[in-house]
Amino acid sequence: MTIEARLENWGRVVRDPQWKPKHCASWAKLATALSRQDETGAPQQIVPRDVADGWLVEQAWQAIHDPLAKRLLQYHYVHGMSAELVCRILVRKYSQSPNTLTHWKVRHAKAMSVMSRVLEGMHAREQIAARADRLIAEAAGTLAQRLNATLD
């Protein structure tokens, strides 16, 4: 998926009333279902892939440190505001220049670039953690074999 498609999916997922926490029980149900999925080992499609990706993008959005890019993405994709309205809000809340609308494409591209970098960083950290887990498991297996050979 392109970053634009992922951001539009993120907006749909976050706005969807099914995922709004009405009370703790809705989140508890999801957590219980996910933990049971891990116990049984049977793959169950509890959360569709696009919904999972939407929440991954939400997690990345929360990690963005640039407040202007963060709010621009939120107002445009989650709240569905037009470029003109987003620019008005940015002018009032973040003291941006009044000609912000003329630079909309640049600001929008920069915000998408920031989001892409955050998502790539999260993906890289996941890959490094998976590789480290694999190396640790291999080292533990080798150590166990050496201990068994020494004891025999």
N, C-alpha and C. Protein backbone atom coordinates (compact mmCIF):
# COMPACT_ATOMS: atom_id res chain seq x y z
N MET A 1 0.84 -1.19 0.00
CA MET A 1 0.00 0.00 0.00
C MET A 1 0.88 1.24 0.00
N THR A 2 0.44 2.26 -0.68
CA THR A 2 1.15 3.53 -0.66
C THR A 2 0.89 4.23 0.67
N ILE A 3 1.71 5.23 0.97
CA ILE A 3 1.52 5.95 2.23
C ILE A 3 0.18 6.69 2.22
N GLU A 4 -0.22 7.20 1.05
CA GLU A 4 -1.52 7.89 0.94
C GLU A 4 -2.66 6.92 1.26
N ALA A 5 -2.60 5.70 0.70
CA ALA A 5 -3.65 4.71 0.96
C ALA A 5 -3.65 4.29 2.43
N ARG A 6 -2.47 4.16 3.01
CA ARG A 6 -2.38 3.77 4.43
C ARG A 6 -2.97 4.86 5.33
N LEU A 7 -2.72 6.12 4.98
CA LEU A 7 -3.26 7.22 5.78
C LEU A 7 -4.77 7.31 5.64
N GLU A 8 -5.30 7.08 4.44
CA GLU A 8 -6.75 7.08 4.27
C GLU A 8 -7.38 5.92 5.03
N ASN A 9 -6.73 4.76 5.01
CA ASN A 9 -7.19 3.61 5.78
C ASN A 9 -7.17 3.93 7.28
N TRP A 10 -6.11 4.58 7.73
CA TRP A 10 -5.98 4.99 9.12
C TRP A 10 -7.16 5.87 9.53
N GLY A 11 -7.49 6.84 8.69
CA GLY A 11 -8.62 7.71 8.99
C GLY A 11 -9.92 6.94 9.11
N ARG A 12 -10.15 5.98 8.21
CA ARG A 12 -11.38 5.16 8.26
C ARG A 12 -11.41 4.32 9.53
N VAL A 13 -10.29 3.70 9.87
CA VAL A 13 -10.24 2.82 11.04
C VAL A 13 -10.46 3.60 12.32
N VAL A 14 -9.81 4.74 12.45
CA VAL A 14 -9.92 5.52 13.68
C VAL A 14 -11.32 6.12 13.84
N ARG A 15 -11.96 6.47 12.72
CA ARG A 15 -13.32 7.03 12.78
C ARG A 15 -14.38 5.97 12.97
N ASP A 16 -14.09 4.72 12.69
CA ASP A 16 -15.08 3.65 12.74
C ASP A 16 -15.63 3.51 14.16
N PRO A 17 -16.96 3.60 14.36
CA PRO A 17 -17.52 3.51 15.71
C PRO A 17 -17.32 2.15 16.36
N GLN A 18 -17.07 1.11 15.56
CA GLN A 18 -16.84 -0.22 16.13
C GLN A 18 -15.60 -0.22 17.03
N TRP A 19 -14.61 0.61 16.71
CA TRP A 19 -13.35 0.60 17.46
C TRP A 19 -13.27 1.69 18.50
N LYS A 20 -14.32 2.46 18.67
CA LYS A 20 -14.33 3.48 19.71
C LYS A 20 -14.56 2.80 21.06
N PRO A 21 -13.76 3.11 22.05
CA PRO A 21 -13.95 2.48 23.35
C PRO A 21 -15.17 3.06 24.07
N LYS A 22 -16.28 2.36 23.98
CA LYS A 22 -17.48 2.80 24.69
C LYS A 22 -17.33 2.54 26.19
N HIS A 23 -16.70 1.44 26.48
CA HIS A 23 -16.39 1.08 27.86
C HIS A 23 -15.24 0.09 27.80
N CYS A 24 -14.66 -0.21 28.92
CA CYS A 24 -13.48 -1.07 28.97
C CYS A 24 -13.76 -2.47 28.43
N ALA A 25 -14.98 -2.91 28.48
CA ALA A 25 -15.29 -4.28 28.07
C ALA A 25 -14.97 -4.52 26.59
N SER A 26 -15.16 -3.51 25.73
CA SER A 26 -14.88 -3.73 24.32
C SER A 26 -13.40 -4.00 24.09
N TRP A 27 -12.53 -3.29 24.80
CA TRP A 27 -11.10 -3.53 24.66
C TRP A 27 -10.72 -4.84 25.36
N ALA A 28 -11.37 -5.15 26.45
CA ALA A 28 -11.07 -6.40 27.16
C ALA A 28 -11.44 -7.60 26.30
N LYS A 29 -12.56 -7.52 25.58
CA LYS A 29 -12.95 -8.61 24.68
C LYS A 29 -11.89 -8.85 23.63
N LEU A 30 -11.40 -7.78 23.04
CA LEU A 30 -10.38 -7.90 22.01
C LEU A 30 -9.09 -8.49 22.59
N ALA A 31 -8.68 -8.03 23.75
CA ALA A 31 -7.46 -8.55 24.38
C ALA A 31 -7.61 -10.02 24.72
N THR A 32 -8.77 -10.43 25.23
CA THR A 32 -9.01 -11.83 25.55
C THR A 32 -8.99 -12.69 24.30
N ALA A 33 -9.61 -12.21 23.25
CA ALA A 33 -9.63 -12.96 22.00
C ALA A 33 -8.23 -13.12 21.43
N LEU A 34 -7.43 -12.06 21.52
CA LEU A 34 -6.06 -12.14 21.01
C LEU A 34 -5.21 -13.07 21.86
N SER A 35 -5.39 -13.06 23.18
CA SER A 35 -4.61 -13.95 24.03
C SER A 35 -5.01 -15.41 23.81
N ARG A 36 -6.28 -15.66 23.60
CA ARG A 36 -6.73 -17.03 23.30
C ARG A 36 -6.19 -17.50 21.97
N GLN A 37 -6.07 -16.59 21.02
CA GLN A 37 -5.51 -16.94 19.72
C GLN A 37 -4.07 -17.41 19.90
N ASP A 38 -3.31 -16.74 20.77
CA ASP A 38 -1.93 -17.14 21.01
C ASP A 38 -1.85 -18.51 21.68
N GLU A 39 -2.77 -18.78 22.62
CA GLU A 39 -2.77 -20.05 23.34
C GLU A 39 -3.10 -21.22 22.43
N THR A 40 -4.11 -21.07 21.59
CA THR A 40 -4.53 -22.17 20.73
C THR A 40 -3.60 -22.35 19.55
N GLY A 41 -2.93 -21.29 19.14
CA GLY A 41 -2.04 -21.37 18.00
C GLY A 41 -2.78 -21.41 16.68
N ALA A 42 -4.09 -21.45 16.74
CA ALA A 42 -4.89 -21.47 15.52
C ALA A 42 -5.04 -20.05 15.00
N PRO A 43 -4.73 -19.85 13.74
CA PRO A 43 -4.89 -18.49 13.21
C PRO A 43 -6.36 -18.13 13.06
N GLN A 44 -6.77 -17.10 13.75
CA GLN A 44 -8.14 -16.63 13.66
C GLN A 44 -8.10 -15.19 13.14
N GLN A 45 -9.00 -14.88 12.26
CA GLN A 45 -9.05 -13.54 11.71
C GLN A 45 -9.97 -12.69 12.59
N ILE A 46 -9.44 -12.22 13.72
CA ILE A 46 -10.22 -11.40 14.64
C ILE A 46 -10.27 -9.96 14.14
N VAL A 47 -9.12 -9.46 13.74
CA VAL A 47 -9.02 -8.10 13.26
C VAL A 47 -8.57 -8.16 11.80
N PRO A 48 -9.35 -7.63 10.87
CA PRO A 48 -8.92 -7.64 9.47
C PRO A 48 -7.60 -6.91 9.29
N ARG A 49 -6.89 -7.27 8.24
CA ARG A 49 -5.56 -6.73 8.03
C ARG A 49 -5.56 -5.20 7.90
N ASP A 50 -6.51 -4.65 7.18
CA ASP A 50 -6.52 -3.20 7.02
C ASP A 50 -6.78 -2.48 8.34
N VAL A 51 -7.52 -3.11 9.22
CA VAL A 51 -7.75 -2.52 10.54
C VAL A 51 -6.47 -2.57 11.36
N ALA A 52 -5.77 -3.69 11.30
CA ALA A 52 -4.50 -3.80 12.03
C ALA A 52 -3.50 -2.77 11.51
N ASP A 53 -3.44 -2.59 10.20
CA ASP A 53 -2.54 -1.59 9.63
C ASP A 53 -2.97 -0.19 10.05
N GLY A 54 -4.26 0.05 10.12
CA GLY A 54 -4.74 1.36 10.57
C GLY A 54 -4.28 1.67 11.99
N TRP A 55 -4.32 0.68 12.87
CA TRP A 55 -3.86 0.91 14.24
C TRP A 55 -2.34 1.00 14.31
N LEU A 56 -1.64 0.34 13.39
CA LEU A 56 -0.18 0.50 13.32
C LEU A 56 0.17 1.93 12.91
N VAL A 57 -0.57 2.46 11.95
CA VAL A 57 -0.35 3.85 11.54
C VAL A 57 -0.71 4.80 12.69
N GLU A 58 -1.74 4.47 13.45
CA GLU A 58 -2.10 5.28 14.63
C GLU A 58 -0.95 5.30 15.63
N GLN A 59 -0.34 4.15 15.85
CA GLN A 59 0.80 4.07 16.76
C GLN A 59 1.96 4.92 16.23
N ALA A 60 2.19 4.88 14.93
CA ALA A 60 3.25 5.70 14.33
C ALA A 60 2.90 7.18 14.44
N TRP A 61 1.63 7.52 14.25
CA TRP A 61 1.21 8.92 14.36
C TRP A 61 1.48 9.45 15.76
N GLN A 62 1.25 8.61 16.77
CA GLN A 62 1.51 9.04 18.14
C GLN A 62 2.99 9.27 18.39
N ALA A 63 3.86 8.63 17.61
CA ALA A 63 5.30 8.77 17.79
C ALA A 63 5.89 9.97 17.04
N ILE A 64 5.09 10.66 16.24
CA ILE A 64 5.58 11.82 15.50
C ILE A 64 5.85 12.96 16.47
N HIS A 65 7.03 13.58 16.34
CA HIS A 65 7.40 14.67 17.25
C HIS A 65 7.12 16.05 16.67
N ASP A 66 6.87 16.13 15.37
CA ASP A 66 6.59 17.42 14.72
C ASP A 66 5.10 17.73 14.89
N PRO A 67 4.75 18.70 15.75
CA PRO A 67 3.33 18.95 16.02
C PRO A 67 2.55 19.43 14.79
N LEU A 68 3.20 20.16 13.92
CA LEU A 68 2.52 20.66 12.72
C LEU A 68 2.15 19.51 11.79
N ALA A 69 3.11 18.62 11.54
CA ALA A 69 2.84 17.47 10.67
C ALA A 69 1.79 16.56 11.31
N LYS A 70 1.90 16.39 12.60
CA LYS A 70 0.98 15.52 13.32
C LYS A 70 -0.46 16.02 13.20
N ARG A 71 -0.67 17.29 13.45
CA ARG A 71 -2.03 17.85 13.39
C ARG A 71 -2.54 17.92 11.96
N LEU A 72 -1.65 18.22 11.01
CA LEU A 72 -2.07 18.27 9.62
C LEU A 72 -2.62 16.92 9.19
N LEU A 73 -1.91 15.84 9.53
CA LEU A 73 -2.38 14.49 9.18
C LEU A 73 -3.69 14.17 9.89
N GLN A 74 -3.78 14.52 11.16
CA GLN A 74 -5.00 14.23 11.92
C GLN A 74 -6.21 14.97 11.36
N TYR A 75 -6.06 16.26 11.16
CA TYR A 75 -7.19 17.04 10.68
C TYR A 75 -7.63 16.61 9.28
N HIS A 76 -6.66 16.31 8.42
CA HIS A 76 -6.99 15.99 7.03
C HIS A 76 -7.54 14.57 6.89
N TYR A 77 -6.90 13.58 7.53
CA TYR A 77 -7.30 12.19 7.31
C TYR A 77 -8.33 11.68 8.31
N VAL A 78 -8.20 12.02 9.56
CA VAL A 78 -9.14 11.50 10.56
C VAL A 78 -10.42 12.34 10.58
N HIS A 79 -10.26 13.66 10.63
CA HIS A 79 -11.44 14.52 10.71
C HIS A 79 -12.00 14.86 9.33
N GLY A 80 -11.26 14.56 8.27
CA GLY A 80 -11.75 14.78 6.92
C GLY A 80 -11.91 16.24 6.54
N MET A 81 -11.11 17.11 7.12
CA MET A 81 -11.22 18.54 6.82
C MET A 81 -10.56 18.86 5.48
N SER A 82 -11.05 19.89 4.84
CA SER A 82 -10.47 20.32 3.57
C SER A 82 -9.12 20.98 3.82
N ALA A 83 -8.36 21.14 2.76
CA ALA A 83 -7.04 21.76 2.88
C ALA A 83 -7.16 23.19 3.41
N GLU A 84 -8.16 23.90 2.95
CA GLU A 84 -8.35 25.29 3.39
C GLU A 84 -8.65 25.37 4.88
N LEU A 85 -9.50 24.50 5.37
CA LEU A 85 -9.85 24.51 6.79
C LEU A 85 -8.66 24.09 7.66
N VAL A 86 -7.92 23.09 7.21
CA VAL A 86 -6.72 22.66 7.94
C VAL A 86 -5.74 23.82 8.04
N CYS A 87 -5.55 24.53 6.93
CA CYS A 87 -4.62 25.65 6.94
C CYS A 87 -5.08 26.76 7.87
N ARG A 88 -6.38 27.03 7.91
CA ARG A 88 -6.89 28.04 8.85
C ARG A 88 -6.59 27.66 10.29
N ILE A 89 -6.81 26.40 10.62
CA ILE A 89 -6.53 25.94 11.98
C ILE A 89 -5.05 26.06 12.30
N LEU A 90 -4.21 25.68 11.34
CA LEU A 90 -2.76 25.76 11.57
C LEU A 90 -2.31 27.21 11.76
N VAL A 91 -2.94 28.13 11.04
CA VAL A 91 -2.61 29.55 11.19
C VAL A 91 -2.98 30.02 12.59
N ARG A 92 -4.17 29.64 13.06
CA ARG A 92 -4.62 30.10 14.38
C ARG A 92 -3.90 29.42 15.54
N LYS A 93 -3.79 28.09 15.48
CA LYS A 93 -3.24 27.36 16.63
C LYS A 93 -1.73 27.35 16.67
N TYR A 94 -1.09 27.33 15.50
CA TYR A 94 0.36 27.15 15.47
C TYR A 94 1.08 28.37 14.90
N SER A 95 0.40 29.48 14.79
CA SER A 95 0.98 30.74 14.34
C SER A 95 1.71 30.60 13.01
N GLN A 96 1.12 29.85 12.12
CA GLN A 96 1.70 29.74 10.78
C GLN A 96 1.34 30.98 9.98
N SER A 97 2.07 31.17 8.89
CA SER A 97 1.81 32.36 8.08
C SER A 97 0.45 32.23 7.39
N PRO A 98 -0.22 33.35 7.16
CA PRO A 98 -1.55 33.31 6.53
C PRO A 98 -1.55 32.73 5.12
N ASN A 99 -0.40 32.70 4.45
CA ASN A 99 -0.37 32.13 3.10
C ASN A 99 -0.04 30.63 3.12
N THR A 100 -0.39 29.96 4.22
CA THR A 100 -0.13 28.53 4.37
C THR A 100 -0.81 27.73 3.27
N LEU A 101 -1.98 28.15 2.85
CA LEU A 101 -2.71 27.40 1.84
C LEU A 101 -1.93 27.30 0.53
N THR A 102 -1.15 28.34 0.22
CA THR A 102 -0.37 28.29 -1.01
C THR A 102 0.74 27.24 -0.92
N HIS A 103 1.11 26.88 0.28
CA HIS A 103 2.16 25.87 0.47
C HIS A 103 1.58 24.53 0.92
N TRP A 104 0.29 24.31 0.69
CA TRP A 104 -0.37 23.09 1.15
C TRP A 104 0.32 21.83 0.65
N LYS A 105 0.62 21.77 -0.63
CA LYS A 105 1.22 20.57 -1.20
C LYS A 105 2.56 20.25 -0.56
N VAL A 106 3.34 21.28 -0.28
CA VAL A 106 4.65 21.08 0.35
C VAL A 106 4.47 20.59 1.77
N ARG A 107 3.59 21.23 2.53
CA ARG A 107 3.36 20.83 3.93
C ARG A 107 2.77 19.42 4.01
N HIS A 108 1.85 19.12 3.10
CA HIS A 108 1.24 17.79 3.07
C HIS A 108 2.29 16.74 2.74
N ALA A 109 3.13 17.01 1.75
CA ALA A 109 4.19 16.07 1.37
C ALA A 109 5.18 15.87 2.52
N LYS A 110 5.51 16.96 3.22
CA LYS A 110 6.43 16.85 4.35
C LYS A 110 5.82 16.00 5.47
N ALA A 111 4.55 16.21 5.75
CA ALA A 111 3.88 15.43 6.80
C ALA A 111 3.84 13.94 6.42
N MET A 112 3.56 13.65 5.16
CA MET A 112 3.55 12.25 4.71
C MET A 112 4.96 11.66 4.78
N SER A 113 5.97 12.47 4.48
CA SER A 113 7.35 12.01 4.58
C SER A 113 7.72 11.68 6.03
N VAL A 114 7.30 12.54 6.94
CA VAL A 114 7.55 12.29 8.37
C VAL A 114 6.89 10.98 8.80
N MET A 115 5.65 10.77 8.39
CA MET A 115 4.94 9.54 8.73
C MET A 115 5.64 8.33 8.12
N SER A 116 6.09 8.44 6.89
CA SER A 116 6.81 7.32 6.24
C SER A 116 8.06 6.95 7.02
N ARG A 117 8.82 7.97 7.43
CA ARG A 117 10.04 7.70 8.19
C ARG A 117 9.75 7.02 9.52
N VAL A 118 8.70 7.45 10.19
CA VAL A 118 8.34 6.83 11.48
C VAL A 118 7.92 5.37 11.25
N LEU A 119 7.12 5.12 10.22
CA LEU A 119 6.69 3.75 9.91
C LEU A 119 7.88 2.87 9.54
N GLU A 120 8.81 3.40 8.74
CA GLU A 120 10.00 2.63 8.37
C GLU A 120 10.85 2.32 9.60
N GLY A 121 10.97 3.28 10.50
CA GLY A 121 11.72 3.05 11.74
C GLY A 121 11.09 1.97 12.59
N MET A 122 9.77 1.97 12.68
CA MET A 122 9.07 0.94 13.45
C MET A 122 9.28 -0.43 12.82
N HIS A 123 9.22 -0.48 11.47
CA HIS A 123 9.42 -1.75 10.76
C HIS A 123 10.84 -2.26 10.97
N ALA A 124 11.81 -1.36 10.91
CA ALA A 124 13.21 -1.76 11.10
C ALA A 124 13.43 -2.29 12.51
N ARG A 125 12.82 -1.64 13.51
CA ARG A 125 12.97 -2.13 14.89
C ARG A 125 12.37 -3.52 15.06
N GLU A 126 11.23 -3.76 14.41
CA GLU A 126 10.61 -5.09 14.47
C GLU A 126 11.51 -6.15 13.84
N GLN A 127 12.13 -5.82 12.71
CA GLN A 127 13.02 -6.77 12.04
C GLN A 127 14.25 -7.06 12.89
N ILE A 128 14.81 -6.03 13.51
CA ILE A 128 15.99 -6.22 14.36
C ILE A 128 15.63 -7.09 15.56
N ALA A 129 14.49 -6.83 16.17
CA ALA A 129 14.06 -7.63 17.33
C ALA A 129 13.84 -9.09 16.93
N ALA A 130 13.24 -9.33 15.77
CA ALA A 130 13.01 -10.70 15.31
C ALA A 130 14.33 -11.41 15.04
N ARG A 131 15.27 -10.70 14.44
CA ARG A 131 16.59 -11.30 14.17
C ARG A 131 17.32 -11.59 15.48
N ALA A 132 17.25 -10.69 16.44
CA ALA A 132 17.90 -10.91 17.73
C ALA A 132 17.29 -12.12 18.43
N ASP A 133 15.96 -12.25 18.40
CA ASP A 133 15.31 -13.41 19.01
C ASP A 133 15.76 -14.71 18.35
N ARG A 134 15.89 -14.68 17.02
CA ARG A 134 16.34 -15.87 16.28
C ARG A 134 17.77 -16.23 16.66
N LEU A 135 18.65 -15.24 16.75
CA LEU A 135 20.05 -15.50 17.13
C LEU A 135 20.15 -16.04 18.55
N ILE A 136 19.35 -15.49 19.44
CA ILE A 136 19.35 -15.97 20.83
C ILE A 136 18.88 -17.42 20.89
N ALA A 137 17.83 -17.74 20.14
CA ALA A 137 17.33 -19.12 20.11
C ALA A 137 18.37 -20.06 19.54
N GLU A 138 19.06 -19.65 18.48
CA GLU A 138 20.12 -20.48 17.90
C GLU A 138 21.25 -20.69 18.89
N ALA A 139 21.65 -19.62 19.59
CA ALA A 139 22.74 -19.72 20.57
C ALA A 139 22.34 -20.63 21.72
N ALA A 140 21.10 -20.53 22.17
CA ALA A 140 20.63 -21.39 23.26
C ALA A 140 20.61 -22.85 22.80
N GLY A 141 20.20 -23.10 21.56
CA GLY A 141 20.18 -24.47 21.04
C GLY A 141 21.59 -25.04 20.93
N THR A 142 22.54 -24.24 20.47
CA THR A 142 23.94 -24.68 20.35
C THR A 142 24.52 -24.96 21.73
N LEU A 143 24.22 -24.10 22.67
CA LEU A 143 24.71 -24.29 24.04
C LEU A 143 24.13 -25.56 24.65
N ALA A 144 22.87 -25.81 24.42
CA ALA A 144 22.24 -27.03 24.95
C ALA A 144 22.88 -28.27 24.33
N GLN A 145 23.17 -28.24 23.04
CA GLN A 145 23.82 -29.38 22.38
C GLN A 145 25.21 -29.62 22.96
N ARG A 146 25.97 -28.57 23.20
CA ARG A 146 27.31 -28.71 23.76
C ARG A 146 27.23 -29.27 25.18
N LEU A 147 26.27 -28.82 25.97
CA LEU A 147 26.12 -29.34 27.32
C LEU A 147 25.76 -30.81 27.30
N ASN A 148 24.86 -31.19 26.40
CA ASN A 148 24.47 -32.60 26.28
C ASN A 148 25.65 -33.44 25.84
N ALA A 149 26.46 -32.93 24.93
CA ALA A 149 27.63 -33.68 24.44
C ALA A 149 28.66 -33.82 25.56
N THR A 150 28.80 -32.78 26.39
CA THR A 150 29.76 -32.81 27.49
C THR A 150 29.29 -33.81 28.56
N LEU A 151 28.01 -33.85 28.83
CA LEU A 151 27.47 -34.75 29.86
C LEU A 151 27.51 -36.20 29.42
N ASP A 152 27.44 -36.44 28.13
CA ASP A 152 27.44 -37.82 27.62
C ASP A 152 28.82 -38.34 27.58
